[in-house]
Structure formats: structure tokens, C-alpha cells
Amino acid sequence: AEGLAAADVPVIPSAVEADAWRPAWSPAQFRTAFGLPEAAPVVAC
């Protein structure tokens, strides 16, 4: 839309290494570190 030729703009989506995002911390360690109650649902931003 800004004027580049469509043929000159391929799409290569960003990606992440999924295995690297498996948590190493236990849920208890996470809750303790951030002062979260044991049973509280946690929303992250």
C-alpha cells in the first residue's frame, strides 16, 4: 500500500524454537518468585 511492488515483498513469518519455551521452573517456584497465591489464576502480559 506504501508503494512497494508486490513481487518484491515475500513473506517469511517470524518463528520461535518451541522446545526453548518449555518452563524450567516449577509452578510453585513461579508463584513464590512473584508473590502469587497458590491457587490464583495467573494472566501474563
Full PDB file with SEQRES, HELIX, SHEET, SSBOND, CRYST1, ORIGX, SCALE, CONECT and MASTER records, all heavy atoms in Angstrom:
SEQRES   1 A   45  ALA GLU GLY LEU ALA ALA ALA ASP VAL PRO VAL ILE PRO          
SEQRES   2 A   45  SER ALA VAL GLU ALA ASP ALA TRP ARG PRO ALA TRP SER          
SEQRES   3 A   45  PRO ALA GLN PHE ARG THR ALA PHE GLY LEU PRO GLU ALA          
SEQRES   4 A   45  ALA PRO VAL VAL ALA CYS                                      
HELIX    1 AA1 ALA A    6  ASP A    8  5                                   3    
HELIX    2 AA2 ALA A   18  TRP A   21  5                                   4    
HELIX    3 AA3 PRO A   27  ALA A   33  1                                   7    
CRYST1    1.000    1.000    1.000  90.00  90.00  90.00 P 1           1          
ORIGX1      1.000000  0.000000  0.000000        0.00000                         
ORIGX2      0.000000  1.000000  0.000000        0.00000                         
ORIGX3      0.000000  0.000000  1.000000        0.00000                         
SCALE1      1.000000  0.000000  0.000000        0.00000                         
SCALE2      0.000000  1.000000  0.000000        0.00000                         
SCALE3      0.000000  0.000000  1.000000        0.00000                         
ATOM      1  N   ALA A   1       0.820  -1.210   0.000  1.00  0.00           N  
ATOM      2  CA  ALA A   1       0.000   0.000   0.000  1.00  0.00           C  
ATOM      3  C   ALA A   1       0.856   1.264   0.000  1.00  0.00           C  
ATOM      4  O   ALA A   1       0.439   2.304  -0.503  1.00  0.00           O  
ATOM      5  CB  ALA A   1      -0.941   0.003   1.208  1.00  0.00           C  
ATOM      6  N   GLU A   2       2.084   1.166   0.543  1.00  0.00           N  
ATOM      7  CA  GLU A   2       3.007   2.300   0.571  1.00  0.00           C  
ATOM      8  C   GLU A   2       3.768   2.464  -0.739  1.00  0.00           C  
ATOM      9  O   GLU A   2       4.561   3.383  -0.891  1.00  0.00           O  
ATOM     10  CB  GLU A   2       4.001   2.138   1.727  1.00  0.00           C  
ATOM     11  CG  GLU A   2       3.376   2.188   3.104  1.00  0.00           C  
ATOM     12  CD  GLU A   2       2.919   3.584   3.490  1.00  0.00           C  
ATOM     13  OE1 GLU A   2       3.543   4.564   3.041  1.00  0.00           O  
ATOM     14  OE2 GLU A   2       1.928   3.680   4.231  1.00  0.00           O  
ATOM     15  N   GLY A   3       3.574   1.520  -1.674  1.00  0.00           N  
ATOM     16  CA  GLY A   3       4.174   1.687  -2.989  1.00  0.00           C  
ATOM     17  C   GLY A   3       5.199   0.657  -3.401  1.00  0.00           C  
ATOM     18  O   GLY A   3       5.721   0.711  -4.516  1.00  0.00           O  
ATOM     19  N   LEU A   4       5.542  -0.293  -2.536  1.00  0.00           N  
ATOM     20  CA  LEU A   4       6.473  -1.335  -2.947  1.00  0.00           C  
ATOM     21  C   LEU A   4       5.784  -2.301  -3.908  1.00  0.00           C  
ATOM     22  O   LEU A   4       4.579  -2.562  -3.784  1.00  0.00           O  
ATOM     23  CB  LEU A   4       6.994  -2.104  -1.735  1.00  0.00           C  
ATOM     24  CG  LEU A   4       7.860  -1.302  -0.755  1.00  0.00           C  
ATOM     25  CD1 LEU A   4       8.175  -2.129   0.474  1.00  0.00           C  
ATOM     26  CD2 LEU A   4       9.152  -0.865  -1.426  1.00  0.00           C  
ATOM     27  N   ALA A   5       6.534  -2.844  -4.832  1.00  0.00           N  
ATOM     28  CA  ALA A   5       5.980  -3.816  -5.773  1.00  0.00           C  
ATOM     29  C   ALA A   5       5.698  -5.118  -5.039  1.00  0.00           C  
ATOM     30  O   ALA A   5       6.563  -5.648  -4.326  1.00  0.00           O  
ATOM     31  CB  ALA A   5       6.960  -4.050  -6.914  1.00  0.00           C  
ATOM     32  N   ALA A   6       4.503  -5.654  -5.217  1.00  0.00           N  
ATOM     33  CA  ALA A   6       4.105  -6.875  -4.510  1.00  0.00           C  
ATOM     34  C   ALA A   6       5.084  -8.014  -4.754  1.00  0.00           C  
ATOM     35  O   ALA A   6       5.377  -8.803  -3.843  1.00  0.00           O  
ATOM     36  CB  ALA A   6       2.697  -7.281  -4.928  1.00  0.00           C  
ATOM     37  N   ALA A   7       5.627  -8.099  -5.963  1.00  0.00           N  
ATOM     38  CA  ALA A   7       6.556  -9.181  -6.295  1.00  0.00           C  
ATOM     39  C   ALA A   7       7.875  -9.069  -5.529  1.00  0.00           C  
ATOM     40  O   ALA A   7       8.601 -10.049  -5.399  1.00  0.00           O  
ATOM     41  CB  ALA A   7       6.835  -9.185  -7.799  1.00  0.00           C  
ATOM     42  N   ASP A   8       8.155  -7.868  -4.996  1.00  0.00           N  
ATOM     43  CA  ASP A   8       9.409  -7.649  -4.267  1.00  0.00           C  
ATOM     44  C   ASP A   8       9.256  -7.785  -2.749  1.00  0.00           C  
ATOM     45  O   ASP A   8      10.183  -7.462  -2.005  1.00  0.00           O  
ATOM     46  CB  ASP A   8       9.963  -6.251  -4.575  1.00  0.00           C  
ATOM     47  CG  ASP A   8      10.431  -6.124  -6.015  1.00  0.00           C  
ATOM     48  OD1 ASP A   8      10.719  -7.165  -6.644  1.00  0.00           O  
ATOM     49  OD2 ASP A   8      10.499  -4.978  -6.512  1.00  0.00           O  
ATOM     50  N   VAL A   9       8.087  -8.246  -2.291  1.00  0.00           N  
ATOM     51  CA  VAL A   9       7.841  -8.333  -0.851  1.00  0.00           C  
ATOM     52  C   VAL A   9       7.373  -9.733  -0.472  1.00  0.00           C  
ATOM     53  O   VAL A   9       6.188  -9.986  -0.289  1.00  0.00           O  
ATOM     54  CB  VAL A   9       6.807  -7.282  -0.377  1.00  0.00           C  
ATOM     55  CG1 VAL A   9       6.742  -7.262   1.154  1.00  0.00           C  
ATOM     56  CG2 VAL A   9       7.139  -5.899  -0.895  1.00  0.00           C  
ATOM     57  N   PRO A  10       8.309 -10.684  -0.356  1.00  0.00           N  
ATOM     58  CA  PRO A  10       7.917 -12.012   0.109  1.00  0.00           C  
ATOM     59  C   PRO A  10       7.610 -11.989   1.615  1.00  0.00           C  
ATOM     60  O   PRO A  10       8.055 -11.095   2.332  1.00  0.00           O  
ATOM     61  CB  PRO A  10       9.150 -12.868  -0.172  1.00  0.00           C  
ATOM     62  CG  PRO A  10      10.285 -11.902  -0.116  1.00  0.00           C  
ATOM     63  CD  PRO A  10       9.741 -10.589  -0.633  1.00  0.00           C  
ATOM     64  N   VAL A  11       6.839 -12.959   2.055  1.00  0.00           N  
ATOM     65  CA  VAL A  11       6.512 -13.075   3.480  1.00  0.00           C  
ATOM     66  C   VAL A  11       7.257 -14.265   4.063  1.00  0.00           C  
ATOM     67  O   VAL A  11       7.144 -15.388   3.564  1.00  0.00           O  
ATOM     68  CB  VAL A  11       4.996 -13.269   3.693  1.00  0.00           C  
ATOM     69  CG1 VAL A  11       4.685 -13.515   5.175  1.00  0.00           C  
ATOM     70  CG2 VAL A  11       4.228 -12.064   3.176  1.00  0.00           C  
ATOM     71  N   ILE A  12       8.048 -14.012   5.080  1.00  0.00           N  
ATOM     72  CA  ILE A  12       8.699 -15.066   5.856  1.00  0.00           C  
ATOM     73  C   ILE A  12       8.339 -14.794   7.309  1.00  0.00           C  
ATOM     74  O   ILE A  12       8.915 -13.909   7.941  1.00  0.00           O  
ATOM     75  CB  ILE A  12      10.231 -15.081   5.663  1.00  0.00           C  
ATOM     76  CG1 ILE A  12      10.589 -15.269   4.185  1.00  0.00           C  
ATOM     77  CG2 ILE A  12      10.854 -16.192   6.522  1.00  0.00           C  
ATOM     78  CD1 ILE A  12      12.081 -15.189   3.890  1.00  0.00           C  
ATOM     79  N   PRO A  13       7.331 -15.502   7.834  1.00  0.00           N  
ATOM     80  CA  PRO A  13       6.885 -15.212   9.200  1.00  0.00           C  
ATOM     81  C   PRO A  13       7.982 -15.462  10.230  1.00  0.00           C  
ATOM     82  O   PRO A  13       8.834 -16.334  10.060  1.00  0.00           O  
ATOM     83  CB  PRO A  13       5.732 -16.194   9.417  1.00  0.00           C  
ATOM     84  CG  PRO A  13       5.307 -16.620   8.050  1.00  0.00           C  
ATOM     85  CD  PRO A  13       6.551 -16.556   7.212  1.00  0.00           C  
ATOM     86  N   SER A  14       7.933 -14.665  11.294  1.00  0.00           N  
ATOM     87  CA  SER A  14       8.826 -14.896  12.423  1.00  0.00           C  
ATOM     88  C   SER A  14       8.514 -16.266  13.007  1.00  0.00           C  
ATOM     89  O   SER A  14       7.418 -16.802  12.839  1.00  0.00           O  
ATOM     90  CB  SER A  14       8.609 -13.832  13.498  1.00  0.00           C  
ATOM     91  OG  SER A  14       8.927 -12.560  13.012  1.00  0.00           O  
ATOM     92  N   ALA A  15       9.478 -16.830  13.711  1.00  0.00           N  
ATOM     93  CA  ALA A  15       9.285 -18.143  14.326  1.00  0.00           C  
ATOM     94  C   ALA A  15      10.078 -18.197  15.622  1.00  0.00           C  
ATOM     95  O   ALA A  15      10.966 -17.378  15.853  1.00  0.00           O  
ATOM     96  CB  ALA A  15       9.750 -19.253  13.381  1.00  0.00           C  
ATOM     97  N   VAL A  16       9.726 -19.160  16.462  1.00  0.00           N  
ATOM     98  CA  VAL A  16      10.471 -19.391  17.694  1.00  0.00           C  
ATOM     99  C   VAL A  16      10.785 -20.872  17.801  1.00  0.00           C  
ATOM    100  O   VAL A  16      10.101 -21.708  17.206  1.00  0.00           O  
ATOM    101  CB  VAL A  16       9.697 -18.934  18.949  1.00  0.00           C  
ATOM    102  CG1 VAL A  16       9.429 -17.445  18.911  1.00  0.00           C  
ATOM    103  CG2 VAL A  16       8.407 -19.700  19.119  1.00  0.00           C  
ATOM    104  N   GLU A  17      11.812 -21.178  18.550  1.00  0.00           N  
ATOM    105  CA  GLU A  17      12.175 -22.572  18.823  1.00  0.00           C  
ATOM    106  C   GLU A  17      11.296 -23.047  19.971  1.00  0.00           C  
ATOM    107  O   GLU A  17      11.497 -22.659  21.128  1.00  0.00           O  
ATOM    108  CB  GLU A  17      13.658 -22.658  19.193  1.00  0.00           C  
ATOM    109  CG  GLU A  17      14.161 -24.065  19.422  1.00  0.00           C  
ATOM    110  CD  GLU A  17      14.091 -24.940  18.184  1.00  0.00           C  
ATOM    111  OE1 GLU A  17      14.484 -24.476  17.100  1.00  0.00           O  
ATOM    112  OE2 GLU A  17      13.620 -26.091  18.316  1.00  0.00           O  
ATOM    113  N   ALA A  18      10.308 -23.870  19.663  1.00  0.00           N  
ATOM    114  CA  ALA A  18       9.304 -24.246  20.659  1.00  0.00           C  
ATOM    115  C   ALA A  18       9.905 -24.909  21.894  1.00  0.00           C  
ATOM    116  O   ALA A  18       9.516 -24.599  23.025  1.00  0.00           O  
ATOM    117  CB  ALA A  18       8.259 -25.158  20.030  1.00  0.00           C  
ATOM    118  N   ASP A  19      10.861 -25.791  21.714  1.00  0.00           N  
ATOM    119  CA  ASP A  19      11.428 -26.504  22.866  1.00  0.00           C  
ATOM    120  C   ASP A  19      12.087 -25.554  23.862  1.00  0.00           C  
ATOM    121  O   ASP A  19      12.121 -25.835  25.060  1.00  0.00           O  
ATOM    122  CB  ASP A  19      12.444 -27.549  22.409  1.00  0.00           C  
ATOM    123  CG  ASP A  19      11.787 -28.727  21.717  1.00  0.00           C  
ATOM    124  OD1 ASP A  19      10.561 -28.906  21.878  1.00  0.00           O  
ATOM    125  OD2 ASP A  19      12.483 -29.484  21.012  1.00  0.00           O  
ATOM    126  N   ALA A  20      12.586 -24.431  23.391  1.00  0.00           N  
ATOM    127  CA  ALA A  20      13.250 -23.474  24.271  1.00  0.00           C  
ATOM    128  C   ALA A  20      12.282 -22.796  25.223  1.00  0.00           C  
ATOM    129  O   ALA A  20      12.699 -22.187  26.208  1.00  0.00           O  
ATOM    130  CB  ALA A  20      13.981 -22.421  23.435  1.00  0.00           C  
ATOM    131  N   TRP A  21      10.982 -22.889  24.962  1.00  0.00           N  
ATOM    132  CA  TRP A  21       9.985 -22.203  25.780  1.00  0.00           C  
ATOM    133  C   TRP A  21       9.273 -23.123  26.765  1.00  0.00           C  
ATOM    134  O   TRP A  21       8.347 -22.708  27.450  1.00  0.00           O  
ATOM    135  CB  TRP A  21       8.998 -21.459  24.885  1.00  0.00           C  
ATOM    136  CG  TRP A  21       9.674 -20.241  24.358  1.00  0.00           C  
ATOM    137  CD1 TRP A  21      10.408 -20.141  23.210  1.00  0.00           C  
ATOM    138  CD2 TRP A  21       9.757 -18.981  24.999  1.00  0.00           C  
ATOM    139  NE1 TRP A  21      10.933 -18.884  23.102  1.00  0.00           N  
ATOM    140  CE2 TRP A  21      10.547 -18.149  24.175  1.00  0.00           C  
ATOM    141  CE3 TRP A  21       9.240 -18.454  26.180  1.00  0.00           C  
ATOM    142  CZ2 TRP A  21      10.830 -16.830  24.513  1.00  0.00           C  
ATOM    143  CZ3 TRP A  21       9.518 -17.141  26.507  1.00  0.00           C  
ATOM    144  CH2 TRP A  21      10.305 -16.342  25.682  1.00  0.00           C  
ATOM    145  N   ARG A  22       9.721 -24.355  26.873  1.00  0.00           N  
ATOM    146  CA  ARG A  22       9.172 -25.222  27.922  1.00  0.00           C  
ATOM    147  C   ARG A  22       9.683 -24.717  29.259  1.00  0.00           C  
ATOM    148  O   ARG A  22      10.890 -24.527  29.436  1.00  0.00           O  
ATOM    149  CB  ARG A  22       9.609 -26.667  27.704  1.00  0.00           C  
ATOM    150  CG  ARG A  22       8.972 -27.276  26.487  1.00  0.00           C  
ATOM    151  CD  ARG A  22       9.273 -28.746  26.389  1.00  0.00           C  
ATOM    152  NE  ARG A  22       8.654 -29.289  25.202  1.00  0.00           N  
ATOM    153  CZ  ARG A  22       9.157 -30.254  24.473  1.00  0.00           C  
ATOM    154  NH1 ARG A  22      10.298 -30.818  24.825  1.00  0.00           N  
ATOM    155  NH2 ARG A  22       8.528 -30.681  23.414  1.00  0.00           N  
ATOM    156  N   PRO A  23       8.799 -24.499  30.241  1.00  0.00           N  
ATOM    157  CA  PRO A  23       9.269 -23.903  31.501  1.00  0.00           C  
ATOM    158  C   PRO A  23      10.226 -24.806  32.263  1.00  0.00           C  
ATOM    159  O   PRO A  23      10.019 -26.009  32.364  1.00  0.00           O  
ATOM    160  CB  PRO A  23       7.979 -23.673  32.292  1.00  0.00           C  
ATOM    161  CG  PRO A  23       6.963 -24.546  31.660  1.00  0.00           C  
ATOM    162  CD  PRO A  23       7.363 -24.744  30.230  1.00  0.00           C  
ATOM    163  N   ALA A  24      11.278 -24.199  32.785  1.00  0.00           N  
ATOM    164  CA  ALA A  24      12.234 -24.914  33.635  1.00  0.00           C  
ATOM    165  C   ALA A  24      11.832 -24.795  35.101  1.00  0.00           C  
ATOM    166  O   ALA A  24      12.187 -25.639  35.909  1.00  0.00           O  
ATOM    167  CB  ALA A  24      13.644 -24.352  33.427  1.00  0.00           C  
ATOM    168  N   TRP A  25      11.094 -23.735  35.428  1.00  0.00           N  
ATOM    169  CA  TRP A  25      10.652 -23.537  36.799  1.00  0.00           C  
ATOM    170  C   TRP A  25       9.441 -24.419  37.093  1.00  0.00           C  
ATOM    171  O   TRP A  25       8.643 -24.716  36.201  1.00  0.00           O  
ATOM    172  CB  TRP A  25      10.237 -22.095  37.030  1.00  0.00           C  
ATOM    173  CG  TRP A  25      11.337 -21.094  37.053  1.00  0.00           C  
ATOM    174  CD1 TRP A  25      12.614 -21.250  36.585  1.00  0.00           C  
ATOM    175  CD2 TRP A  25      11.234 -19.763  37.535  1.00  0.00           C  
ATOM    176  NE1 TRP A  25      13.313 -20.088  36.762  1.00  0.00           N  
ATOM    177  CE2 TRP A  25      12.500 -19.160  37.340  1.00  0.00           C  
ATOM    178  CE3 TRP A  25      10.216 -19.020  38.094  1.00  0.00           C  
ATOM    179  CZ2 TRP A  25      12.744 -17.833  37.705  1.00  0.00           C  
ATOM    180  CZ3 TRP A  25      10.460 -17.707  38.462  1.00  0.00           C  
ATOM    181  CH2 TRP A  25      11.714 -17.126  38.266  1.00  0.00           C  
ATOM    182  N   SER A  26       9.266 -24.759  38.339  1.00  0.00           N  
ATOM    183  CA  SER A  26       8.041 -25.435  38.765  1.00  0.00           C  
ATOM    184  C   SER A  26       6.972 -24.364  38.982  1.00  0.00           C  
ATOM    185  O   SER A  26       7.284 -23.188  39.210  1.00  0.00           O  
ATOM    186  CB  SER A  26       8.270 -26.183  40.077  1.00  0.00           C  
ATOM    187  OG  SER A  26       8.443 -25.263  41.144  1.00  0.00           O  
ATOM    188  N   PRO A  27       5.699 -24.756  38.924  1.00  0.00           N  
ATOM    189  CA  PRO A  27       4.645 -23.776  39.228  1.00  0.00           C  
ATOM    190  C   PRO A  27       4.814 -23.142  40.608  1.00  0.00           C  
ATOM    191  O   PRO A  27       4.585 -21.937  40.776  1.00  0.00           O  
ATOM    192  CB  PRO A  27       3.365 -24.610  39.144  1.00  0.00           C  
ATOM    193  CG  PRO A  27       3.698 -25.694  38.159  1.00  0.00           C  
ATOM    194  CD  PRO A  27       5.147 -26.029  38.448  1.00  0.00           C  
ATOM    195  N   ALA A  28       5.247 -23.923  41.586  1.00  0.00           N  
ATOM    196  CA  ALA A  28       5.445 -23.379  42.933  1.00  0.00           C  
ATOM    197  C   ALA A  28       6.562 -22.341  42.938  1.00  0.00           C  
ATOM    198  O   ALA A  28       6.455 -21.291  43.592  1.00  0.00           O  
ATOM    199  CB  ALA A  28       5.759 -24.507  43.911  1.00  0.00           C  
ATOM    200  N   GLN A  29       7.644 -22.606  42.232  1.00  0.00           N  
ATOM    201  CA  GLN A  29       8.757 -21.660  42.149  1.00  0.00           C  
ATOM    202  C   GLN A  29       8.299 -20.355  41.498  1.00  0.00           C  
ATOM    203  O   GLN A  29       8.648 -19.261  41.954  1.00  0.00           O  
ATOM    204  CB  GLN A  29       9.894 -22.300  41.355  1.00  0.00           C  
ATOM    205  CG  GLN A  29      11.153 -21.474  41.265  1.00  0.00           C  
ATOM    206  CD  GLN A  29      12.248 -22.176  40.462  1.00  0.00           C  
ATOM    207  OE1 GLN A  29      12.052 -23.282  39.929  1.00  0.00           O  
ATOM    208  NE2 GLN A  29      13.398 -21.547  40.359  1.00  0.00           N  
ATOM    209  N   PHE A  30       7.520 -20.464  40.443  1.00  0.00           N  
ATOM    210  CA  PHE A  30       6.984 -19.292  39.746  1.00  0.00           C  
ATOM    211  C   PHE A  30       6.128 -18.447  40.691  1.00  0.00           C  
ATOM    212  O   PHE A  30       6.301 -17.233  40.807  1.00  0.00           O  
ATOM    213  CB  PHE A  30       6.170 -19.752  38.535  1.00  0.00           C  
ATOM    214  CG  PHE A  30       5.357 -18.689  37.864  1.00  0.00           C  
ATOM    215  CD1 PHE A  30       5.961 -17.660  37.162  1.00  0.00           C  
ATOM    216  CD2 PHE A  30       3.967 -18.727  37.923  1.00  0.00           C  
ATOM    217  CE1 PHE A  30       5.195 -16.683  36.528  1.00  0.00           C  
ATOM    218  CE2 PHE A  30       3.199 -17.765  37.296  1.00  0.00           C  
ATOM    219  CZ  PHE A  30       3.813 -16.741  36.600  1.00  0.00           C  
ATOM    220  N   ARG A  31       5.220 -19.088  41.390  1.00  0.00           N  
ATOM    221  CA  ARG A  31       4.307 -18.363  42.275  1.00  0.00           C  
ATOM    222  C   ARG A  31       5.059 -17.718  43.436  1.00  0.00           C  
ATOM    223  O   ARG A  31       4.762 -16.582  43.823  1.00  0.00           O  
ATOM    224  CB  ARG A  31       3.199 -19.287  42.747  1.00  0.00           C  
ATOM    225  CG  ARG A  31       2.240 -19.619  41.609  1.00  0.00           C  
ATOM    226  CD  ARG A  31       1.215 -20.685  41.962  1.00  0.00           C  
ATOM    227  NE  ARG A  31       0.396 -20.979  40.805  1.00  0.00           N  
ATOM    228  CZ  ARG A  31      -0.625 -20.234  40.396  1.00  0.00           C  
ATOM    229  NH1 ARG A  31      -0.959 -19.157  41.077  1.00  0.00           N  
ATOM    230  NH2 ARG A  31      -1.323 -20.575  39.332  1.00  0.00           N  
ATOM    231  N   THR A  32       6.045 -18.415  43.966  1.00  0.00           N  
ATOM    232  CA  THR A  32       6.840 -17.849  45.059  1.00  0.00           C  
ATOM    233  C   THR A  32       7.627 -16.636  44.581  1.00  0.00           C  
ATOM    234  O   THR A  32       7.668 -15.601  45.257  1.00  0.00           O  
ATOM    235  CB  THR A  32       7.796 -18.916  45.633  1.00  0.00           C  
ATOM    236  OG1 THR A  32       7.017 -19.990  46.168  1.00  0.00           O  
ATOM    237  CG2 THR A  32       8.680 -18.334  46.710  1.00  0.00           C  
ATOM    238  N   ALA A  33       8.235 -16.737  43.409  1.00  0.00           N  
ATOM    239  CA  ALA A  33       9.072 -15.652  42.890  1.00  0.00           C  
ATOM    240  C   ALA A  33       8.289 -14.360  42.691  1.00  0.00           C  
ATOM    241  O   ALA A  33       8.829 -13.266  42.869  1.00  0.00           O  
ATOM    242  CB  ALA A  33       9.719 -16.083  41.575  1.00  0.00           C  
ATOM    243  N   PHE A  34       7.016 -14.474  42.321  1.00  0.00           N  
ATOM    244  CA  PHE A  34       6.222 -13.281  42.028  1.00  0.00           C  
ATOM    245  C   PHE A  34       5.148 -13.004  43.085  1.00  0.00           C  
ATOM    246  O   PHE A  34       4.278 -12.157  42.874  1.00  0.00           O  
ATOM    247  CB  PHE A  34       5.622 -13.383  40.627  1.00  0.00           C  
ATOM    248  CG  PHE A  34       6.682 -13.380  39.570  1.00  0.00           C  
ATOM    249  CD1 PHE A  34       7.045 -14.558  38.939  1.00  0.00           C  
ATOM    250  CD2 PHE A  34       7.355 -12.216  39.242  1.00  0.00           C  
ATOM    251  CE1 PHE A  34       8.052 -14.573  37.982  1.00  0.00           C  
ATOM    252  CE2 PHE A  34       8.359 -12.214  38.287  1.00  0.00           C  
ATOM    253  CZ  PHE A  34       8.710 -13.395  37.657  1.00  0.00           C  
ATOM    254  N   GLY A  35       5.225 -13.711  44.216  1.00  0.00           N  
ATOM    255  CA  GLY A  35       4.299 -13.467  45.312  1.00  0.00           C  
ATOM    256  C   GLY A  35       2.856 -13.747  44.957  1.00  0.00           C  
ATOM    257  O   GLY A  35       1.951 -13.013  45.373  1.00  0.00           O  
ATOM    258  N   LEU A  36       2.613 -14.807  44.206  1.00  0.00           N  
ATOM    259  CA  LEU A  36       1.262 -15.141  43.746  1.00  0.00           C  
ATOM    260  C   LEU A  36       0.661 -16.233  44.626  1.00  0.00           C  
ATOM    261  O   LEU A  36       1.333 -17.215  44.930  1.00  0.00           O  
ATOM    262  CB  LEU A  36       1.311 -15.622  42.292  1.00  0.00           C  
ATOM    263  CG  LEU A  36       1.914 -14.626  41.297  1.00  0.00           C  
ATOM    264  CD1 LEU A  36       2.211 -15.306  39.974  1.00  0.00           C  
ATOM    265  CD2 LEU A  36       0.961 -13.443  41.110  1.00  0.00           C  
ATOM    266  N   PRO A  37      -0.603 -16.099  45.011  1.00  0.00           N  
ATOM    267  CA  PRO A  37      -1.243 -17.153  45.788  1.00  0.00           C  
ATOM    268  C   PRO A  37      -1.237 -18.477  45.034  1.00  0.00           C  
ATOM    269  O   PRO A  37      -1.304 -18.512  43.796  1.00  0.00           O  
ATOM    270  CB  PRO A  37      -2.677 -16.650  45.970  1.00  0.00           C  
ATOM    271  CG  PRO A  37      -2.594 -15.170  45.770  1.00  0.00           C  
ATOM    272  CD  PRO A  37      -1.485 -14.958  44.774  1.00  0.00           C  
ATOM    273  N   GLU A  38      -1.193 -19.551  45.766  1.00  0.00           N  
ATOM    274  CA  GLU A  38      -1.046 -20.884  45.174  1.00  0.00           C  
ATOM    275  C   GLU A  38      -2.127 -21.216  44.155  1.00  0.00           C  
ATOM    276  O   GLU A  38      -1.852 -21.784  43.106  1.00  0.00           O  
ATOM    277  CB  GLU A  38      -1.046 -21.939  46.283  1.00  0.00           C  
ATOM    278  CG  GLU A  38      -0.810 -23.350  45.784  1.00  0.00           C  
ATOM    279  CD  GLU A  38      -0.760 -24.347  46.921  1.00  0.00           C  
ATOM    280  OE1 GLU A  38      -0.437 -23.964  48.056  1.00  0.00           O  
ATOM    281  OE2 GLU A  38      -1.051 -25.523  46.652  1.00  0.00           O  
ATOM    282  N   ALA A  39      -3.370 -20.881  44.440  1.00  0.00           N  
ATOM    283  CA  ALA A  39      -4.467 -21.287  43.559  1.00  0.00           C  
ATOM    284  C   ALA A  39      -4.943 -20.183  42.620  1.00  0.00           C  
ATOM    285  O   ALA A  39      -5.905 -20.374  41.885  1.00  0.00           O  
ATOM    286  CB  ALA A  39      -5.637 -21.782  44.408  1.00  0.00           C  
ATOM    287  N   ALA A  40      -4.294 -19.047  42.628  1.00  0.00           N  
ATOM    288  CA  ALA A  40      -4.764 -17.918  41.813  1.00  0.00           C  
ATOM    289  C   ALA A  40      -4.498 -18.151  40.332  1.00  0.00           C  
ATOM    290  O   ALA A  40      -3.378 -18.486  39.944  1.00  0.00           O  
ATOM    291  CB  ALA A  40      -4.075 -16.636  42.255  1.00  0.00           C  
ATOM    292  N   PRO A  41      -5.513 -17.954  39.486  1.00  0.00           N  
ATOM    293  CA  PRO A  41      -5.253 -17.977  38.040  1.00  0.00           C  
ATOM    294  C   PRO A  41      -4.356 -16.798  37.670  1.00  0.00           C  
ATOM    295  O   PRO A  41      -4.581 -15.678  38.149  1.00  0.00           O  
ATOM    296  CB  PRO A  41      -6.635 -17.819  37.419  1.00  0.00           C  
ATOM    297  CG  PRO A  41      -7.608 -18.112  38.512  1.00  0.00           C  
ATOM    298  CD  PRO A  41      -6.921 -17.741  39.790  1.00  0.00           C  
ATOM    299  N   VAL A  42      -3.347 -17.043  36.842  1.00  0.00           N  
ATOM    300  CA  VAL A  42      -2.368 -16.001  36.510  1.00  0.00           C  
ATOM    301  C   VAL A  42      -2.440 -15.654  35.032  1.00  0.00           C  
ATOM    302  O   VAL A  42      -2.279 -16.517  34.160  1.00  0.00           O  
ATOM    303  CB  VAL A  42      -0.937 -16.448  36.870  1.00  0.00           C  
ATOM    304  CG1 VAL A  42       0.066 -15.359  36.489  1.00  0.00           C  
ATOM    305  CG2 VAL A  42      -0.839 -16.777  38.358  1.00  0.00           C  
ATOM    306  N   VAL A  43      -2.668 -14.368  34.776  1.00  0.00           N  
ATOM    307  CA  VAL A  43      -2.668 -13.814  33.423  1.00  0.00           C  
ATOM    308  C   VAL A  43      -1.362 -13.046  33.270  1.00  0.00           C  
ATOM    309  O   VAL A  43      -1.038 -12.197  34.101  1.00  0.00           O  
ATOM    310  CB  VAL A  43      -3.863 -12.873  33.203  1.00  0.00           C  
ATOM    311  CG1 VAL A  43      -3.794 -12.214  31.834  1.00  0.00           C  
ATOM    312  CG2 VAL A  43      -5.175 -13.628  33.387  1.00  0.00           C  
ATOM    313  N   ALA A  44      -0.619 -13.330  32.213  1.00  0.00           N  
ATOM    314  CA  ALA A  44       0.631 -12.612  31.941  1.00  0.00           C  
ATOM    315  C   ALA A  44       0.444 -11.712  30.730  1.00  0.00           C  
ATOM    316  O   ALA A  44      -0.286 -12.052  29.792  1.00  0.00           O  
ATOM    317  CB  ALA A  44       1.772 -13.597  31.681  1.00  0.00           C  
ATOM    318  N   CYS A  45       1.099 -10.577  30.777  1.00  0.00           N  
ATOM    319  CA  CYS A  45       1.171  -9.680  29.626  1.00  0.00           C  
ATOM    320  C   CYS A  45       2.652  -9.408  29.408  1.00  0.00           C  
ATOM    321  O   CYS A  45       3.345  -8.967  30.332  1.00  0.00           O  
ATOM    322  CB  CYS A  45       0.413  -8.388  29.890  1.00  0.00           C  
ATOM    323  SG  CYS A  45       0.456  -7.231  28.499  1.00  0.00           S  
TER     324      CYS A  45                                                      
MASTER        0    0    0    3    0    0    0    6  323    1    0    4          
END                                                                             
